[in-house]
C-alpha atoms as a PDB file:
ATOM      1  CA  MET A   1     110.268 104.979  73.480  1.00  0.00           C
ATOM      2  CA  ASP A   2     108.869 104.187  69.868  1.00  0.00           C
ATOM      3  CA  ALA A   3     111.857 103.458  67.386  1.00  0.00           C
ATOM      4  CA  THR A   4     110.438 106.118  65.063  1.00  0.00           C
ATOM      5  CA  TYR A   5     110.063 108.385  67.764  1.00  0.00           C
ATOM      6  CA  ALA A   6     113.349 108.116  68.783  1.00  0.00           C
ATOM      7  CA  ARG A   7     114.462 108.838  65.212  1.00  0.00           C
ATOM      8  CA  HIS A   8     112.725 111.864  65.187  1.00  0.00           C
ATOM      9  CA  TYR A   9     113.928 113.247  69.107  1.00  0.00           C
ATOM     10  CA  SER A  10     116.193 115.386  68.228  1.00  0.00           C
ATOM     11  CA  THR A  11     114.507 117.527  66.165  1.00  0.00           C
ATOM     12  CA  LEU A  12     111.387 117.732  68.491  1.00  0.00           C
ATOM     13  CA  PHE A  13     114.322 118.494  71.065  1.00  0.00           C
ATOM     14  CA  GLU A  14     115.760 121.221  69.436  1.00  0.00           C
ATOM     15  CA  ARG A  15     112.418 122.708  67.745  1.00  0.00           C
ATOM     16  CA  HIS A  16     109.003 121.916  68.910  1.00  0.00           C
ATOM     17  CA  TRP A  17     107.342 124.605  71.063  1.00  0.00           C
ATOM     18  CA  TRP A  18     107.109 122.063  74.077  1.00  0.00           C
ATOM     19  CA  TRP A  19     110.540 120.672  74.397  1.00  0.00           C
ATOM     20  CA  ARG A  20     111.948 124.788  73.877  1.00  0.00           C
ATOM     21  CA  ALA A  21     109.358 126.039  76.850  1.00  0.00           C
ATOM     22  CA  ARG A  22     110.622 123.256  79.273  1.00  0.00           C
ATOM     23  CA  GLU A  23     113.734 123.643  78.571  1.00  0.00           C
ATOM     24  CA  GLU A  24     113.393 127.373  79.124  1.00  0.00           C
ATOM     25  CA  LEU A  25     111.431 126.592  82.557  1.00  0.00           C
ATOM     26  CA  ILE A  26     114.103 124.118  83.874  1.00  0.00           C
ATOM     27  CA  LEU A  27     117.407 126.846  83.128  1.00  0.00           C
ATOM     28  CA  ALA A  28     114.913 129.570  85.551  1.00  0.00           C
ATOM     29  CA  THR A  29     114.810 127.186  87.944  1.00  0.00           C
ATOM     30  CA  LEU A  30     118.195 125.757  87.950  1.00  0.00           C
ATOM     31  CA  GLU A  31     119.473 129.983  88.154  1.00  0.00           C
ATOM     32  CA  SER A  32     116.994 130.339  90.868  1.00  0.00           C
ATOM     33  CA  LEU A  33     118.212 126.949  92.947  1.00  0.00           C
ATOM     34  CA  ARG A  34     122.034 127.813  91.844  1.00  0.00           C
ATOM     35  CA  ALA A  35     124.698 127.090  94.427  1.00  0.00           C
ATOM     36  CA  GLU A  36     127.034 129.752  94.957  1.00  0.00           C
ATOM     37  CA  LYS A  37     129.942 127.715  93.594  1.00  0.00           C
ATOM     38  CA  ASN A  38     127.546 125.381  91.552  1.00  0.00           C
ATOM     39  CA  TRP A  39     126.789 122.372  92.509  1.00  0.00           C
ATOM     40  CA  GLY A  40     130.794 120.671  90.921  1.00  0.00           C
ATOM     41  CA  SER A  41     129.036 117.099  89.586  1.00  0.00           C
ATOM     42  CA  ILE A  42     125.737 116.969  87.574  1.00  0.00           C
ATOM     43  CA  LEU A  43     124.289 113.822  86.468  1.00  0.00           C
ATOM     44  CA  ASP A  44     121.269 113.711  83.561  1.00  0.00           C
ATOM     45  CA  VAL A  45     119.267 110.617  84.176  1.00  0.00           C
ATOM     46  CA  GLY A  46     117.822 109.501  80.937  1.00  0.00           C
ATOM     47  CA  CYS A  47     120.085 111.925  79.259  1.00  0.00           C
ATOM     48  CA  GLY A  48     119.493 110.389  75.460  1.00  0.00           C
ATOM     49  CA  ASP A  49     122.366 111.846  73.569  1.00  0.00           C
ATOM     50  CA  GLY A  50     123.069 114.219  75.650  1.00  0.00           C
ATOM     51  CA  LEU A  51     121.151 117.269  74.079  1.00  0.00           C
ATOM     52  CA  PHE A  52     120.742 119.274  76.957  1.00  0.00           C
ATOM     53  CA  PHE A  53     124.660 118.959  78.048  1.00  0.00           C
ATOM     54  CA  GLU A  54     125.647 121.825  76.233  1.00  0.00           C
ATOM     55  CA  LYS A  55     123.156 124.483  78.273  1.00  0.00           C
ATOM     56  CA  LEU A  56     123.942 122.573  81.759  1.00  0.00           C
ATOM     57  CA  GLN A  57     127.783 123.051  81.653  1.00  0.00           C
ATOM     58  CA  LYS A  58     127.529 126.817  83.467  1.00  0.00           C
ATOM     59  CA  PHE A  59     126.051 124.751  86.232  1.00  0.00           C
ATOM     60  CA  GLY A  60     129.157 122.616  87.040  1.00  0.00           C
ATOM     61  CA  SER A  61     130.689 119.165  85.206  1.00  0.00           C
ATOM     62  CA  VAL A  62     127.713 117.160  83.444  1.00  0.00           C
ATOM     63  CA  GLU A  63     127.816 113.524  82.556  1.00  0.00           C
ATOM     64  CA  GLY A  64     124.822 111.221  82.116  1.00  0.00           C
ATOM     65  CA  ILE A  65     123.020 107.825  82.073  1.00  0.00           C
ATOM     66  CA  GLU A  66     121.015 106.286  79.692  1.00  0.00           C
ATOM     67  CA  MET A  67     119.354 103.306  79.679  1.00  0.00           C
ATOM     68  CA  ASP A  68     118.333 102.807  75.932  1.00  0.00           C
ATOM     69  CA  SER A  69     122.018 101.959  73.506  1.00  0.00           C
ATOM     70  CA  SER A  70     119.408 102.965  70.795  1.00  0.00           C
ATOM     71  CA  GLY A  71     119.590 106.610  71.944  1.00  0.00           C
ATOM     72  CA  VAL A  72     123.112 107.222  72.086  1.00  0.00           C
ATOM     73  CA  THR A  73     125.324 108.080  69.175  1.00  0.00           C
ATOM     74  CA  PRO A  74     128.587 106.365  69.877  1.00  0.00           C
ATOM     75  CA  ASP A  75     130.732 108.790  68.273  1.00  0.00           C
ATOM     76  CA  GLY A  76     128.420 111.400  69.125  1.00  0.00           C
ATOM     77  CA  ARG A  77     129.871 114.852  70.906  1.00  0.00           C
ATOM     78  CA  TRP A  78     128.924 113.982  74.332  1.00  0.00           C
ATOM     79  CA  ALA A  79     129.254 110.078  74.227  1.00  0.00           C
ATOM     80  CA  LYS A  80     132.043 110.005  76.256  1.00  0.00           C
ATOM     81  CA  GLN A  81     130.132 111.742  79.143  1.00  0.00           C
ATOM     82  CA  ILE A  82     127.025 109.051  78.733  1.00  0.00           C
ATOM     83  CA  HIS A  83     126.799 105.769  80.863  1.00  0.00           C
ATOM     84  CA  VAL A  84     124.977 103.518  79.119  1.00  0.00           C
ATOM     85  CA  ARG A  85     123.348 100.936  81.494  1.00  0.00           C
ATOM     86  CA  PRO A  86     120.547 100.373  83.646  1.00  0.00           C
ATOM     87  CA  PHE A  87     120.216 102.890  86.693  1.00  0.00           C
ATOM     88  CA  ASP A  88     120.131 100.954  89.484  1.00  0.00           C
ATOM     89  CA  GLU A  89     121.661  99.593  92.290  1.00  0.00           C
ATOM     90  CA  THR A  90     124.641  98.245  90.267  1.00  0.00           C
ATOM     91  CA  PHE A  91     125.339 101.477  88.839  1.00  0.00           C
ATOM     92  CA  HIS A  92     128.336 102.973  90.492  1.00  0.00           C
ATOM     93  CA  PRO A  93     129.748 105.914  89.552  1.00  0.00           C
ATOM     94  CA  ALA A  94     133.497 107.665  90.148  1.00  0.00           C
ATOM     95  CA  GLN A  95     131.696 110.745  92.143  1.00  0.00           C
ATOM     96  CA  ASN A  96     128.290 111.354  93.948  1.00  0.00           C
ATOM     97  CA  TYR A  97     126.323 114.356  92.806  1.00  0.00           C
ATOM     98  CA  GLY A  98     125.679 118.301  93.777  1.00  0.00           C
ATOM     99  CA  LEU A  99     122.581 118.120  90.735  1.00  0.00           C
ATOM    100  CA  ILE A 100     120.653 114.944  89.367  1.00  0.00           C
ATOM    101  CA  LEU A 101     118.250 115.376  87.094  1.00  0.00           C
ATOM    102  CA  MET A 102     115.161 113.407  86.191  1.00  0.00           C
ATOM    103  CA  LEU A 103     113.667 115.199  83.352  1.00  0.00           C
ATOM    104  CA  ASP A 104     110.369 113.023  82.154  1.00  0.00           C
ATOM    105  CA  VAL A 105     111.926 110.025  83.092  1.00  0.00           C
ATOM    106  CA  LEU A 106     110.487 108.216  86.231  1.00  0.00           C
ATOM    107  CA  GLU A 107     107.295 107.559  84.244  1.00  0.00           C
ATOM    108  CA  HIS A 108     109.501 105.154  82.026  1.00  0.00           C
ATOM    109  CA  PHE A 109     110.517 103.153  84.799  1.00  0.00           C
ATOM    110  CA  ALA A 110     108.591 100.057  86.005  1.00  0.00           C
ATOM    111  CA  ASP A 111     110.056 100.379  89.468  1.00  0.00           C
ATOM    112  CA  PRO A 112     110.025 104.015  89.761  1.00  0.00           C
ATOM    113  CA  LEU A 113     111.077 103.962  93.848  1.00  0.00           C
ATOM    114  CA  GLN A 114     114.432 101.672  92.692  1.00  0.00           C
ATOM    115  CA  SER A 115     115.419 104.693  90.595  1.00  0.00           C
ATOM    116  CA  LEU A 116     114.685 107.262  92.779  1.00  0.00           C
ATOM    117  CA  ARG A 117     116.295 105.659  95.595  1.00  0.00           C
ATOM    118  CA  ARG A 118     119.639 105.028  93.872  1.00  0.00           C
ATOM    119  CA  ALA A 119     118.922 108.943  92.933  1.00  0.00           C
ATOM    120  CA  VAL A 120     119.174 110.269  96.452  1.00  0.00           C
ATOM    121  CA  GLU A 121     121.651 107.583  97.439  1.00  0.00           C
ATOM    122  CA  LEU A 122     124.226 109.378  94.656  1.00  0.00           C
ATOM    123  CA  LEU A 123     123.437 112.787  96.267  1.00  0.00           C
ATOM    124  CA  GLN A 124     126.384 114.813  97.826  1.00  0.00           C
ATOM    125  CA  PRO A 125     125.313 116.296 100.930  1.00  0.00           C
ATOM    126  CA  GLN A 126     122.689 119.447 100.286  1.00  0.00           C
ATOM    127  CA  GLY A 127     122.517 117.827  96.561  1.00  0.00           C
ATOM    128  CA  ARG A 128     119.351 118.221  95.117  1.00  0.00           C
ATOM    129  CA  ILE A 129     117.262 116.157  92.684  1.00  0.00           C
ATOM    130  CA  LEU A 130     114.993 118.219  89.612  1.00  0.00           C
ATOM    131  CA  ILE A 131     112.138 116.278  88.606  1.00  0.00           C
ATOM    132  CA  THR A 132     109.628 116.460  85.942  1.00  0.00           C
ATOM    133  CA  VAL A 133     107.339 114.072  85.546  1.00  0.00           C
ATOM    134  CA  PRO A 134     103.624 113.764  83.465  1.00  0.00           C
ATOM    135  CA  ALA A 135     100.506 114.897  85.273  1.00  0.00           C
ATOM    136  CA  PHE A 136      97.279 113.403  86.240  1.00  0.00           C
ATOM    137  CA  SER A 137      95.899 109.967  85.007  1.00  0.00           C
ATOM    138  CA  VAL A 138      93.012 111.575  83.373  1.00  0.00           C
ATOM    139  CA  LEU A 139      95.243 113.253  81.216  1.00  0.00           C
ATOM    140  CA  TRP A 140      96.670 110.212  79.812  1.00  0.00           C
ATOM    141  CA  THR A 141      96.424 109.904  75.751  1.00  0.00           C
ATOM    142  CA  SER A 142      98.042 107.518  73.305  1.00  0.00           C
ATOM    143  CA  HIS A 143     101.051 110.091  73.674  1.00  0.00           C
ATOM    144  CA  ASP A 144     101.503 108.472  76.595  1.00  0.00           C
ATOM    145  CA  THR A 145     101.230 105.102  75.388  1.00  0.00           C
ATOM    146  CA  LEU A 146     103.603 106.008  72.238  1.00  0.00           C
ATOM    147  CA  ASN A 147     106.066 107.511  75.087  1.00  0.00           C
ATOM    148  CA  ARG A 148     106.056 103.895  76.623  1.00  0.00           C
ATOM    149  CA  HIS A 149     104.916 105.289  80.055  1.00  0.00           C
ATOM    150  CA  TYR A 150     103.469 103.504  82.890  1.00  0.00           C
ATOM    151  CA  ARG A 151     101.861 106.392  85.020  1.00  0.00           C
ATOM    152  CA  ARG A 152     101.763 110.021  85.510  1.00  0.00           C
ATOM    153  CA  TYR A 153     102.193 111.912  88.931  1.00  0.00           C
ATOM    154  CA  THR A 154      99.911 114.204  91.184  1.00  0.00           C
ATOM    155  CA  ARG A 155     101.949 116.248  93.786  1.00  0.00           C
ATOM    156  CA  ARG A 156     100.659 113.621  96.429  1.00  0.00           C
ATOM    157  CA  SER A 157     101.412 110.337  94.980  1.00  0.00           C
ATOM    158  CA  LEU A 158     105.060 111.881  93.776  1.00  0.00           C
ATOM    159  CA  ALA A 159     105.607 113.095  97.303  1.00  0.00           C
ATOM    160  CA  ASP A 160     104.706 109.518  98.483  1.00  0.00           C
ATOM    161  CA  LEU A 161     107.149 108.218  95.829  1.00  0.00           C
ATOM    162  CA  ALA A 162     109.955 110.474  97.598  1.00  0.00           C
ATOM    163  CA  GLU A 163     109.178 109.455 100.950  1.00  0.00           C
ATOM    164  CA  GLN A 164     109.322 105.922  99.943  1.00  0.00           C
ATOM    165  CA  ALA A 165     112.550 106.335  98.323  1.00  0.00           C
ATOM    166  CA  GLY A 166     114.169 107.994 101.548  1.00  0.00           C
ATOM    167  CA  ALA A 167     113.832 111.899  99.825  1.00  0.00           C
ATOM    168  CA  ARG A 168     112.293 115.055 100.799  1.00  0.00           C
ATOM    169  CA  ILE A 169     110.022 116.973  98.374  1.00  0.00           C
ATOM    170  CA  PHE A 170     111.299 120.506  99.366  1.00  0.00           C
ATOM    171  CA  GLY A 171     108.966 122.482  96.566  1.00  0.00           C
ATOM    172  CA  GLU A 172     106.569 121.509  93.834  1.00  0.00           C
ATOM    173  CA  ARG A 173     104.123 123.115  91.333  1.00  0.00           C
ATOM    174  CA  TYR A 174     102.432 122.185  88.141  1.00  0.00           C
ATOM    175  CA  PHE A 175     103.140 123.670  84.695  1.00  0.00           C
ATOM    176  CA  PHE A 176     101.789 123.845  81.060  1.00  0.00           C
ATOM    177  CA  GLN A 177      97.982 124.603  82.516  1.00  0.00           C
ATOM    178  CA  TRP A 178      97.201 125.780  78.988  1.00  0.00           C
ATOM    179  CA  THR A 179      97.498 122.236  77.611  1.00  0.00           C
ATOM    180  CA  SER A 180      95.300 120.381  80.468  1.00  0.00           C
ATOM    181  CA  PRO A 181      92.175 121.062  79.296  1.00  0.00           C
ATOM    182  CA  VAL A 182      93.525 120.086  75.711  1.00  0.00           C
ATOM    183  CA  LYS A 183      94.652 116.954  76.937  1.00  0.00           C
ATOM    184  CA  LEU A 184      91.386 115.833  78.494  1.00  0.00           C
ATOM    185  CA  ALA A 185      89.401 116.847  75.122  1.00  0.00           C
ATOM    186  CA  VAL A 186      91.915 114.447  73.830  1.00  0.00           C
ATOM    187  CA  HIS A 187      91.578 111.863  76.527  1.00  0.00           C
ATOM    188  CA  MET A 188      87.939 111.632  76.072  1.00  0.00           C
ATOM    189  CA  LYS A 189      88.243 111.685  72.514  1.00  0.00           C
ATOM    190  CA  GLU A 190      90.275 108.706  72.246  1.00  0.00           C
ATOM    191  CA  LYS A 191      88.182 106.384  74.523  1.00  0.00           C
ATOM    192  CA  LEU A 192      85.394 107.045  72.462  1.00  0.00           C
ATOM    193  CA  LEU A 193      87.403 106.746  69.546  1.00  0.00           C
ATOM    194  CA  PRO A 194      90.685 104.615  70.059  1.00  0.00           C
ATOM    195  CA  ALA A 195      93.257 105.374  67.061  1.00  0.00           C
ATOM    196  CA  ALA A 196      96.915 104.423  67.104  1.00  0.00           C
ATOM    197  CA  PRO A 197      99.820 107.171  68.488  1.00  0.00           C
ATOM    198  CA  GLU A 198     101.058 109.398  66.001  1.00  0.00           C
ATOM    199  CA  VAL A 199     104.376 110.417  66.408  1.00  0.00           C
ATOM    200  CA  PRO A 200     104.432 113.987  67.677  1.00  0.00           C
ATOM    201  CA  HIS A 201     105.667 116.673  64.861  1.00  0.00           C
ATOM    202  CA  VAL A 202     106.863 120.209  65.186  1.00  0.00           C
ATOM    203  CA  PRO A 203     103.958 122.642  63.972  1.00  0.00           C
ATOM    204  CA  ALA A 204     103.971 125.147  61.267  1.00  0.00           C
ATOM    205  CA  ALA A 205     106.504 127.872  62.230  1.00  0.00           C
ATOM    206  CA  TRP A 206     103.881 130.594  63.129  1.00  0.00           C
ATOM    207  CA  LEU A 207     101.753 128.056  65.520  1.00  0.00           C
ATOM    208  CA  ASN A 208     105.369 126.547  66.950  1.00  0.00           C
ATOM    209  CA  ARG A 209     106.328 130.251  68.046  1.00  0.00           C
ATOM    210  CA  PHE A 210     102.565 130.892  69.670  1.00  0.00           C
ATOM    211  CA  LEU A 211     102.669 127.963  71.599  1.00  0.00           C
ATOM    212  CA  TYR A 212     105.640 128.873  72.673  1.00  0.00           C
ATOM    213  CA  HIS A 213     105.246 132.522  73.575  1.00  0.00           C
ATOM    214  CA  LEU A 214     101.570 131.523  75.267  1.00  0.00           C
ATOM    215  CA  SER A 215     103.587 128.545  77.254  1.00  0.00           C
ATOM    216  CA  ILE A 216     106.332 130.856  78.557  1.00  0.00           C
ATOM    217  CA  THR A 217     104.123 133.783  79.512  1.00  0.00           C
ATOM    218  CA  GLU A 218     101.601 131.337  81.291  1.00  0.00           C
ATOM    219  CA  GLU A 219     104.669 130.293  82.960  1.00  0.00           C
ATOM    220  CA  ARG A 220     105.489 134.035  83.848  1.00  0.00           C
ATOM    221  CA  LEU A 221     102.474 134.690  85.179  1.00  0.00           C
ATOM    222  CA  PHE A 222     101.611 131.042  87.380  1.00  0.00           C
ATOM    223  CA  ARG A 223     105.129 130.559  88.296  1.00  0.00           C
ATOM    224  CA  LYS A 224     104.462 132.084  91.914  1.00  0.00           C
ATOM    225  CA  LEU A 225     100.897 130.449  92.595  1.00  0.00           C
ATOM    226  CA  ARG A 226     100.229 127.043  93.475  1.00  0.00           C
ATOM    227  CA  VAL A 227      97.682 126.234  90.314  1.00  0.00           C
ATOM    228  CA  PRO A 228      96.373 123.148  91.518  1.00  0.00           C
ATOM    229  CA  PHE A 229      96.543 121.220  88.055  1.00  0.00           C
ATOM    230  CA  GLY A 230      98.960 121.308  84.764  1.00  0.00           C
ATOM    231  CA  SER A 231      99.790 119.019  82.429  1.00  0.00           C
ATOM    232  CA  SER A 232     103.026 118.172  83.951  1.00  0.00           C
ATOM    233  CA  LEU A 233     104.958 118.220  87.204  1.00  0.00           C
ATOM    234  CA  LEU A 234     108.094 119.896  88.576  1.00  0.00           C
ATOM    235  CA  ALA A 235     109.757 119.205  91.761  1.00  0.00           C
ATOM    236  CA  ILE A 236     112.780 119.667  93.839  1.00  0.00           C
ATOM    237  CA  ALA A 237     113.991 117.107  95.726  1.00  0.00           C
ATOM    238  CA  GLY A 238     116.729 116.129  98.457  1.00  0.00           C
ATOM    239  CA  ARG A 239     118.013 114.313 101.775  1.00  0.00           C
ATOM    240  CA  PRO A 240     114.741 114.551 104.239  1.00  0.00           C
ATOM    241  CA  ASP A 241     117.541 115.458 106.958  1.00  0.00           C
ATOM    242  CA  GLU A 242     117.768 118.598 105.166  1.00  0.00           C
ATOM    243  CA  THR A 243     115.731 121.155 106.423  1.00  0.00           C
ATOM    244  CA  GLN A 244     116.938 123.955 104.021  1.00  0.00           C
ATOM    245  CA  GLU A 245     113.425 125.141 102.081  1.00  0.00           C
ATOM    246  CA  GLN A 246     113.604 125.557  98.311  1.00  0.00           C
ATOM    247  CA  SER A 247     110.840 126.827  96.228  1.00  0.00           C
ATOM    248  CA  ALA A 248     110.444 125.360  92.572  1.00  0.00           C
END
């Protein structure tokens, strides 16, 4: 992640409409998948400073792994629950996990196959991986460049990656549909008039509220529909030999 962006990330996570709406979607999905006795142990991959830990605690015992040491405050509230190291075959935690979160993290790996394979290896029986990724390469903008993304995904490309990693997708769907034409317009504009990436900012309060409620309303309307587009993709994965179907 860009260093300037990283310095503003906690503010964006806590206040920006996109992060707020995405968090509500993820929490609603976790509630719908919730195991009878929760998941026991949870790993948040690419957890940063543990900003999501507070909300995750009701689903189980939470720890995280962060590959970029600059994203973790050494004496922060959650520092003792965060592994600061690469997420690969050299990561050997003391336990396997009932739930692994990979929230907008796969696109940051040069080798996403290795990372997803390791996540599958660290799952407990009947464990689940919840994944979110940016969708459709045609929606690539300077924001992807700023975030140091390697790629954007489709249902098909994510399912192929999961299969290669020894996983199965149990449910998936696109979200943030309304932002797709906006991002497409930006993509086309930047093709014609290239510009340096800009660190996002929290919009004016009224606009921030409006875009948040627009995103939440759209999510509630489209949740049960397989809308074939969106600027983000959510998927639930597990081991391929488990037959229980789950819907995202």
